[in-house]
Structures are given as C-alpha cells and as structure tokens.
Amino acid sequence: MKPGTSTEDIITWEDSFPIAQKLRALHPEAALVNVSLGMIYHWTIELPGFDDDPELANENILLAIYQEWYEEDLSI
C-alpha cells in the first residue's frame, strides 16, 4: 500500500469503474479516441490508492477500464 492511503482508498485491477472515474477526473483534456491501452496502464499504476501488481494487467483489464471511461463519456 502506498503511503497516505487507507484500506478504503485502495483500488486494484478489478476496480475498472472506479479507475475509469479517477482517470477521467485526472485527465479531462484527454480525447478518449487518442488514449491508448498503454496510457491507461501507466496512468492507472500511478493513481493514488492503486495497490496491485502491475504485471497482472492484461488487455482485457485495460479494455474494461477503457469501456467504463467510454460509457461515462456517453452519459454526459
């Protein structure tokens, strides 16, 4: 766990919706069409509260985060 993070703030690869929400908030200027899975990966592992093994990420997990972000953008 990263310093200054409580157990309630912890996010893992299984938390695709909370990750997408945090990434949207931190990168409001990002046009999703220009966001790569590599960018999602790097942004996610840098999130405060992210506490999971970076090597567990795979294309399906990253696509789930992308899809959640996309769906949130549609709901605006």
PDB file of N, CA and C in Angstrom:
ATOM      1  N   MET A   1       0.844  -1.180   0.000  1.00  0.00           N
ATOM      2  CA  MET A   1       0.000   0.000   0.000  1.00  0.00           C
ATOM      3  C   MET A   1       0.886   1.239   0.000  1.00  0.00           C
ATOM      4  N   LYS A   2       0.487   2.224  -0.811  1.00  0.00           N
ATOM      5  CA  LYS A   2       1.252   3.466  -0.888  1.00  0.00           C
ATOM      6  C   LYS A   2       1.063   4.282   0.387  1.00  0.00           C
ATOM      7  N   PRO A   3       2.091   5.031   0.778  1.00  0.00           N
ATOM      8  CA  PRO A   3       1.966   5.876   1.981  1.00  0.00           C
ATOM      9  C   PRO A   3       0.800   6.850   1.848  1.00  0.00           C
ATOM     10  N   GLY A   4       0.100   7.076   2.949  1.00  0.00           N
ATOM     11  CA  GLY A   4      -1.009   8.019   2.969  1.00  0.00           C
ATOM     12  C   GLY A   4      -2.302   7.461   2.408  1.00  0.00           C
ATOM     13  N   THR A   5      -2.349   6.147   2.174  1.00  0.00           N
ATOM     14  CA  THR A   5      -3.528   5.513   1.622  1.00  0.00           C
ATOM     15  C   THR A   5      -4.167   4.624   2.669  1.00  0.00           C
ATOM     16  N   SER A   6      -5.481   4.788   2.861  1.00  0.00           N
ATOM     17  CA  SER A   6      -6.179   3.910   3.793  1.00  0.00           C
ATOM     18  C   SER A   6      -6.727   2.711   3.026  1.00  0.00           C
ATOM     19  N   THR A   7      -7.107   1.677   3.749  1.00  0.00           N
ATOM     20  CA  THR A   7      -7.626   0.477   3.086  1.00  0.00           C
ATOM     21  C   THR A   7      -8.910   0.778   2.315  1.00  0.00           C
ATOM     22  N   GLU A   8      -9.653   1.814   2.705  1.00  0.00           N
ATOM     23  CA  GLU A   8     -10.873   2.185   1.991  1.00  0.00           C
ATOM     24  C   GLU A   8     -10.561   2.820   0.639  1.00  0.00           C
ATOM     25  N   ASP A   9      -9.378   3.374   0.479  1.00  0.00           N
ATOM     26  CA  ASP A   9      -8.995   4.060  -0.750  1.00  0.00           C
ATOM     27  C   ASP A   9      -8.292   3.147  -1.749  1.00  0.00           C
ATOM     28  N   ILE A  10      -8.033   1.910  -1.382  1.00  0.00           N
ATOM     29  CA  ILE A  10      -7.265   1.010  -2.234  1.00  0.00           C
ATOM     30  C   ILE A  10      -8.074   0.625  -3.473  1.00  0.00           C
ATOM     31  N   ILE A  11      -7.412   0.695  -4.624  1.00  0.00           N
ATOM     32  CA  ILE A  11      -8.016   0.209  -5.859  1.00  0.00           C
ATOM     33  C   ILE A  11      -7.087  -0.820  -6.483  1.00  0.00           C
ATOM     34  N   THR A  12      -7.690  -1.784  -7.151  1.00  0.00           N
ATOM     35  CA  THR A  12      -6.940  -2.856  -7.804  1.00  0.00           C
ATOM     36  C   THR A  12      -7.431  -2.977  -9.244  1.00  0.00           C
ATOM     37  N   TRP A  13      -6.818  -3.868  -9.987  1.00  0.00           N
ATOM     38  CA  TRP A  13      -7.207  -4.069 -11.376  1.00  0.00           C
ATOM     39  C   TRP A  13      -8.667  -4.484 -11.503  1.00  0.00           C
ATOM     40  N   GLU A  14      -9.244  -5.052 -10.470  1.00  0.00           N
ATOM     41  CA  GLU A  14     -10.647  -5.478 -10.514  1.00  0.00           C
ATOM     42  C   GLU A  14     -11.615  -4.299 -10.468  1.00  0.00           C
ATOM     43  N   ASP A  15     -11.138  -3.121 -10.127  1.00  0.00           N
ATOM     44  CA  ASP A  15     -11.978  -1.936  -9.940  1.00  0.00           C
ATOM     45  C   ASP A  15     -12.024  -1.063 -11.190  1.00  0.00           C
ATOM     46  N   SER A  16     -12.482  -1.627 -12.289  1.00  0.00           N
ATOM     47  CA  SER A  16     -12.419  -0.894 -13.558  1.00  0.00           C
ATOM     48  C   SER A  16     -13.241   0.399 -13.538  1.00  0.00           C
ATOM     49  N   PHE A  17     -14.423   0.387 -12.922  1.00  0.00           N
ATOM     50  CA  PHE A  17     -15.237   1.611 -12.908  1.00  0.00           C
ATOM     51  C   PHE A  17     -14.597   2.712 -12.067  1.00  0.00           C
ATOM     52  N   PRO A  18     -14.178   2.428 -10.818  1.00  0.00           N
ATOM     53  CA  PRO A  18     -13.503   3.493 -10.053  1.00  0.00           C
ATOM     54  C   PRO A  18     -12.222   3.996 -10.723  1.00  0.00           C
ATOM     55  N   ILE A  19     -11.494   3.098 -11.356  1.00  0.00           N
ATOM     56  CA  ILE A  19     -10.283   3.522 -12.069  1.00  0.00           C
ATOM     57  C   ILE A  19     -10.665   4.473 -13.193  1.00  0.00           C
ATOM     58  N   ALA A  20     -11.668   4.104 -13.975  1.00  0.00           N
ATOM     59  CA  ALA A  20     -12.101   4.957 -15.090  1.00  0.00           C
ATOM     60  C   ALA A  20     -12.544   6.330 -14.587  1.00  0.00           C
ATOM     61  N   GLN A  21     -13.282   6.358 -13.484  1.00  0.00           N
ATOM     62  CA  GLN A  21     -13.719   7.641 -12.921  1.00  0.00           C
ATOM     63  C   GLN A  21     -12.522   8.499 -12.517  1.00  0.00           C
ATOM     64  N   LYS A  22     -11.558   7.895 -11.871  1.00  0.00           N
ATOM     65  CA  LYS A  22     -10.374   8.646 -11.433  1.00  0.00           C
ATOM     66  C   LYS A  22      -9.569   9.143 -12.634  1.00  0.00           C
ATOM     67  N   LEU A  23      -9.411   8.305 -13.642  1.00  0.00           N
ATOM     68  CA  LEU A  23      -8.655   8.717 -14.823  1.00  0.00           C
ATOM     69  C   LEU A  23      -9.360   9.854 -15.561  1.00  0.00           C
ATOM     70  N   ARG A  24     -10.683   9.779 -15.663  1.00  0.00           N
ATOM     71  CA  ARG A  24     -11.447  10.873 -16.288  1.00  0.00           C
ATOM     72  C   ARG A  24     -11.244  12.174 -15.540  1.00  0.00           C
ATOM     73  N   ALA A  25     -11.249  12.095 -14.213  1.00  0.00           N
ATOM     74  CA  ALA A  25     -11.083  13.299 -13.401  1.00  0.00           C
ATOM     75  C   ALA A  25      -9.671  13.865 -13.520  1.00  0.00           C
ATOM     76  N   LEU A  26      -8.683  12.982 -13.596  1.00  0.00           N
ATOM     77  CA  LEU A  26      -7.291  13.435 -13.666  1.00  0.00           C
ATOM     78  C   LEU A  26      -6.853  13.856 -15.067  1.00  0.00           C
ATOM     79  N   HIS A  27      -7.561  13.380 -16.082  1.00  0.00           N
ATOM     80  CA  HIS A  27      -7.179  13.671 -17.472  1.00  0.00           C
ATOM     81  C   HIS A  27      -8.397  14.147 -18.269  1.00  0.00           C
ATOM     82  N   PRO A  28      -9.030  15.247 -17.828  1.00  0.00           N
ATOM     83  CA  PRO A  28     -10.241  15.700 -18.527  1.00  0.00           C
ATOM     84  C   PRO A  28      -9.978  16.172 -19.949  1.00  0.00           C
ATOM     85  N   GLU A  29      -8.741  16.524 -20.231  1.00  0.00           N
ATOM     86  CA  GLU A  29      -8.397  17.003 -21.570  1.00  0.00           C
ATOM     87  C   GLU A  29      -8.177  15.869 -22.564  1.00  0.00           C
ATOM     88  N   ALA A  30      -8.096  14.644 -22.070  1.00  0.00           N
ATOM     89  CA  ALA A  30      -7.783  13.505 -22.933  1.00  0.00           C
ATOM     90  C   ALA A  30      -8.981  13.144 -23.796  1.00  0.00           C
ATOM     91  N   ALA A  31      -8.774  13.165 -25.102  1.00  0.00           N
ATOM     92  CA  ALA A  31      -9.789  12.673 -26.030  1.00  0.00           C
ATOM     93  C   ALA A  31      -9.652  11.158 -26.050  1.00  0.00           C
ATOM     94  N   LEU A  32     -10.682  10.472 -25.653  1.00  0.00           N
ATOM     95  CA  LEU A  32     -10.590   9.024 -25.474  1.00  0.00           C
ATOM     96  C   LEU A  32     -10.136   8.307 -26.743  1.00  0.00           C
ATOM     97  N   VAL A  33     -10.478   8.853 -27.891  1.00  0.00           N
ATOM     98  CA  VAL A  33     -10.057   8.246 -29.153  1.00  0.00           C
ATOM     99  C   VAL A  33      -8.523   8.233 -29.282  1.00  0.00           C
ATOM    100  N   ASN A  34      -7.856   9.131 -28.570  1.00  0.00           N
ATOM    101  CA  ASN A  34      -6.391   9.211 -28.619  1.00  0.00           C
ATOM    102  C   ASN A  34      -5.710   8.523 -27.436  1.00  0.00           C
ATOM    103  N   VAL A  35      -6.494   7.925 -26.547  1.00  0.00           N
ATOM    104  CA  VAL A  35      -5.934   7.276 -25.361  1.00  0.00           C
ATOM    105  C   VAL A  35      -5.661   5.807 -25.679  1.00  0.00           C
ATOM    106  N   SER A  36      -4.416   5.408 -25.502  1.00  0.00           N
ATOM    107  CA  SER A  36      -4.038   4.022 -25.774  1.00  0.00           C
ATOM    108  C   SER A  36      -4.156   3.181 -24.503  1.00  0.00           C
ATOM    109  N   LEU A  37      -4.155   1.879 -24.672  1.00  0.00           N
ATOM    110  CA  LEU A  37      -4.167   0.989 -23.517  1.00  0.00           C
ATOM    111  C   LEU A  37      -2.889   1.167 -22.698  1.00  0.00           C
ATOM    112  N   GLY A  38      -1.795   1.472 -23.362  1.00  0.00           N
ATOM    113  CA  GLY A  38      -0.546   1.744 -22.652  1.00  0.00           C
ATOM    114  C   GLY A  38      -0.652   2.964 -21.758  1.00  0.00           C
ATOM    115  N   MET A  39      -1.345   3.991 -22.245  1.00  0.00           N
ATOM    116  CA  MET A  39      -1.547   5.191 -21.426  1.00  0.00           C
ATOM    117  C   MET A  39      -2.411   4.855 -20.215  1.00  0.00           C
ATOM    118  N   ILE A  40      -3.483   4.091 -20.445  1.00  0.00           N
ATOM    119  CA  ILE A  40      -4.348   3.687 -19.333  1.00  0.00           C
ATOM    120  C   ILE A  40      -3.554   2.899 -18.306  1.00  0.00           C
ATOM    121  N   TYR A  41      -2.706   2.003 -18.769  1.00  0.00           N
ATOM    122  CA  TYR A  41      -1.871   1.214 -17.859  1.00  0.00           C
ATOM    123  C   TYR A  41      -0.994   2.121 -16.991  1.00  0.00           C
ATOM    124  N   HIS A  42      -0.252   3.005 -17.620  1.00  0.00           N
ATOM    125  CA  HIS A  42       0.670   3.872 -16.874  1.00  0.00           C
ATOM    126  C   HIS A  42      -0.066   4.833 -15.945  1.00  0.00           C
ATOM    127  N   TRP A  43      -1.143   5.406 -16.415  1.00  0.00           N
ATOM    128  CA  TRP A  43      -1.916   6.317 -15.568  1.00  0.00           C
ATOM    129  C   TRP A  43      -2.500   5.576 -14.366  1.00  0.00           C
ATOM    130  N   THR A  44      -2.939   4.338 -14.599  1.00  0.00           N
ATOM    131  CA  THR A  44      -3.558   3.563 -13.517  1.00  0.00           C
ATOM    132  C   THR A  44      -2.543   3.220 -12.433  1.00  0.00           C
ATOM    133  N   ILE A  45      -1.375   2.735 -12.815  1.00  0.00           N
ATOM    134  CA  ILE A  45      -0.414   2.331 -11.777  1.00  0.00           C
ATOM    135  C   ILE A  45       0.129   3.541 -11.014  1.00  0.00           C
ATOM    136  N   GLU A  46      -0.044   4.746 -11.558  1.00  0.00           N
ATOM    137  CA  GLU A  46       0.391   5.961 -10.874  1.00  0.00           C
ATOM    138  C   GLU A  46      -0.701   6.558  -9.983  1.00  0.00           C
ATOM    139  N   LEU A  47      -1.913   6.014 -10.032  1.00  0.00           N
ATOM    140  CA  LEU A  47      -3.015   6.563  -9.241  1.00  0.00           C
ATOM    141  C   LEU A  47      -2.753   6.433  -7.746  1.00  0.00           C
ATOM    142  N   PRO A  48      -3.072   7.480  -6.988  1.00  0.00           N
ATOM    143  CA  PRO A  48      -3.032   7.334  -5.534  1.00  0.00           C
ATOM    144  C   PRO A  48      -4.036   6.248  -5.133  1.00  0.00           C
ATOM    145  N   GLY A  49      -3.634   5.353  -4.303  1.00  0.00           N
ATOM    146  CA  GLY A  49      -4.520   4.288  -3.859  1.00  0.00           C
ATOM    147  C   GLY A  49      -4.423   3.017  -4.669  1.00  0.00           C
ATOM    148  N   PHE A  50      -3.726   3.073  -5.819  1.00  0.00           N
ATOM    149  CA  PHE A  50      -3.582   1.842  -6.600  1.00  0.00           C
ATOM    150  C   PHE A  50      -2.609   0.921  -5.880  1.00  0.00           C
ATOM    151  N   ASP A  51      -3.078  -0.268  -5.565  1.00  0.00           N
ATOM    152  CA  ASP A  51      -2.258  -1.218  -4.818  1.00  0.00           C
ATOM    153  C   ASP A  51      -2.471  -2.626  -5.364  1.00  0.00           C
ATOM    154  N   ASP A  52      -1.890  -2.871  -6.515  1.00  0.00           N
ATOM    155  CA  ASP A  52      -1.976  -4.183  -7.133  1.00  0.00           C
ATOM    156  C   ASP A  52      -0.687  -4.417  -7.912  1.00  0.00           C
ATOM    157  N   ASP A  53      -0.488  -5.632  -8.315  1.00  0.00           N
ATOM    158  CA  ASP A  53       0.711  -5.999  -9.062  1.00  0.00           C
ATOM    159  C   ASP A  53       0.576  -5.486 -10.499  1.00  0.00           C
ATOM    160  N   PRO A  54       1.433  -4.571 -10.920  1.00  0.00           N
ATOM    161  CA  PRO A  54       1.350  -4.058 -12.296  1.00  0.00           C
ATOM    162  C   PRO A  54       1.439  -5.152 -13.356  1.00  0.00           C
ATOM    163  N   GLU A  55       2.088  -6.245 -13.034  1.00  0.00           N
ATOM    164  CA  GLU A  55       2.243  -7.331 -14.006  1.00  0.00           C
ATOM    165  C   GLU A  55       0.959  -8.128 -14.222  1.00  0.00           C
ATOM    166  N   LEU A  56      -0.046  -7.915 -13.380  1.00  0.00           N
ATOM    167  CA  LEU A  56      -1.319  -8.615 -13.546  1.00  0.00           C
ATOM    168  C   LEU A  56      -2.180  -8.001 -14.638  1.00  0.00           C
ATOM    169  N   ALA A  57      -1.836  -6.801 -15.066  1.00  0.00           N
ATOM    170  CA  ALA A  57      -2.620  -6.136 -16.108  1.00  0.00           C
ATOM    171  C   ALA A  57      -2.538  -6.930 -17.406  1.00  0.00           C
ATOM    172  N   ASN A  58      -3.666  -6.971 -18.086  1.00  0.00           N
ATOM    173  CA  ASN A  58      -3.692  -7.594 -19.408  1.00  0.00           C
ATOM    174  C   ASN A  58      -4.655  -6.799 -20.286  1.00  0.00           C
ATOM    175  N   GLU A  59      -4.740  -7.183 -21.531  1.00  0.00           N
ATOM    176  CA  GLU A  59      -5.560  -6.426 -22.476  1.00  0.00           C
ATOM    177  C   GLU A  59      -7.027  -6.380 -22.047  1.00  0.00           C
ATOM    178  N   ASN A  60      -7.557  -7.470 -21.522  1.00  0.00           N
ATOM    179  CA  ASN A  60      -8.965  -7.481 -21.108  1.00  0.00           C
ATOM    180  C   ASN A  60      -9.233  -6.499 -19.969  1.00  0.00           C
ATOM    181  N   ILE A  61      -8.335  -6.431 -19.005  1.00  0.00           N
ATOM    182  CA  ILE A  61      -8.492  -5.499 -17.884  1.00  0.00           C
ATOM    183  C   ILE A  61      -8.435  -4.061 -18.381  1.00  0.00           C
ATOM    184  N   LEU A  62      -7.460  -3.769 -19.214  1.00  0.00           N
ATOM    185  CA  LEU A  62      -7.309  -2.407 -19.723  1.00  0.00           C
ATOM    186  C   LEU A  62      -8.480  -2.011 -20.614  1.00  0.00           C
ATOM    187  N   LEU A  63      -8.988  -2.956 -21.399  1.00  0.00           N
ATOM    188  CA  LEU A  63     -10.164  -2.676 -22.230  1.00  0.00           C
ATOM    189  C   LEU A  63     -11.405  -2.434 -21.367  1.00  0.00           C
ATOM    190  N   ALA A  64     -11.524  -3.136 -20.242  1.00  0.00           N
ATOM    191  CA  ALA A  64     -12.653  -2.914 -19.335  1.00  0.00           C
ATOM    192  C   ALA A  64     -12.615  -1.493 -18.776  1.00  0.00           C
ATOM    193  N   ILE A  65     -11.426  -1.023 -18.411  1.00  0.00           N
ATOM    194  CA  ILE A  65     -11.277   0.350 -17.919  1.00  0.00           C
ATOM    195  C   ILE A  65     -11.638   1.332 -19.028  1.00  0.00           C
ATOM    196  N   TYR A  66     -11.119   1.086 -20.236  1.00  0.00           N
ATOM    197  CA  TYR A  66     -11.428   1.936 -21.385  1.00  0.00           C
ATOM    198  C   TYR A  66     -12.939   1.991 -21.627  1.00  0.00           C
ATOM    199  N   GLN A  67     -13.599   0.838 -21.582  1.00  0.00           N
ATOM    200  CA  GLN A  67     -15.036   0.774 -21.831  1.00  0.00           C
ATOM    201  C   GLN A  67     -15.810   1.549 -20.771  1.00  0.00           C
ATOM    202  N   GLU A  68     -15.415   1.417 -19.515  1.00  0.00           N
ATOM    203  CA  GLU A  68     -16.085   2.169 -18.447  1.00  0.00           C
ATOM    204  C   GLU A  68     -15.928   3.670 -18.676  1.00  0.00           C
ATOM    205  N   TRP A  69     -14.728   4.090 -19.062  1.00  0.00           N
ATOM    206  CA  TRP A  69     -14.466   5.503 -19.341  1.00  0.00           C
ATOM    207  C   TRP A  69     -15.352   5.968 -20.504  1.00  0.00           C
ATOM    208  N   TYR A  70     -15.392   5.167 -21.566  1.00  0.00           N
ATOM    209  CA  TYR A  70     -16.193   5.477 -22.747  1.00  0.00           C
ATOM    210  C   TYR A  70     -17.671   5.625 -22.373  1.00  0.00           C
ATOM    211  N   GLU A  71     -18.184   4.692 -21.591  1.00  0.00           N
ATOM    212  CA  GLU A  71     -19.584   4.742 -21.193  1.00  0.00           C
ATOM    213  C   GLU A  71     -19.895   5.948 -20.322  1.00  0.00           C
ATOM    214  N   GLU A  72     -18.948   6.334 -19.482  1.00  0.00           N
ATOM    215  CA  GLU A  72     -19.121   7.535 -18.667  1.00  0.00           C
ATOM    216  C   GLU A  72     -19.164   8.780 -19.554  1.00  0.00           C
ATOM    217  N   ASP A  73     -18.324   8.810 -20.580  1.00  0.00           N
ATOM    218  CA  ASP A  73     -18.326   9.943 -21.513  1.00  0.00           C
ATOM    219  C   ASP A  73     -19.659  10.020 -22.259  1.00  0.00           C
ATOM    220  N   LEU A  74     -20.250   8.883 -22.571  1.00  0.00           N
ATOM    221  CA  LEU A  74     -21.536   8.884 -23.276  1.00  0.00           C
ATOM    222  C   LEU A  74     -22.668   9.406 -22.407  1.00  0.00           C
ATOM    223  N   SER A  75     -22.545   9.231 -21.107  1.00  0.00           N
ATOM    224  CA  SER A  75     -23.637   9.619 -20.209  1.00  0.00           C
ATOM    225  C   SER A  75     -23.665  11.118 -19.909  1.00  0.00           C
ATOM    226  N   ILE A  76     -22.691  11.851 -20.410  1.00  0.00           N
ATOM    227  CA  ILE A  76     -22.637  13.307 -20.161  1.00  0.00           C
ATOM    228  C   ILE A  76     -23.612  14.031 -21.061  1.00  0.00           C
TER     229      ILE A  76
END
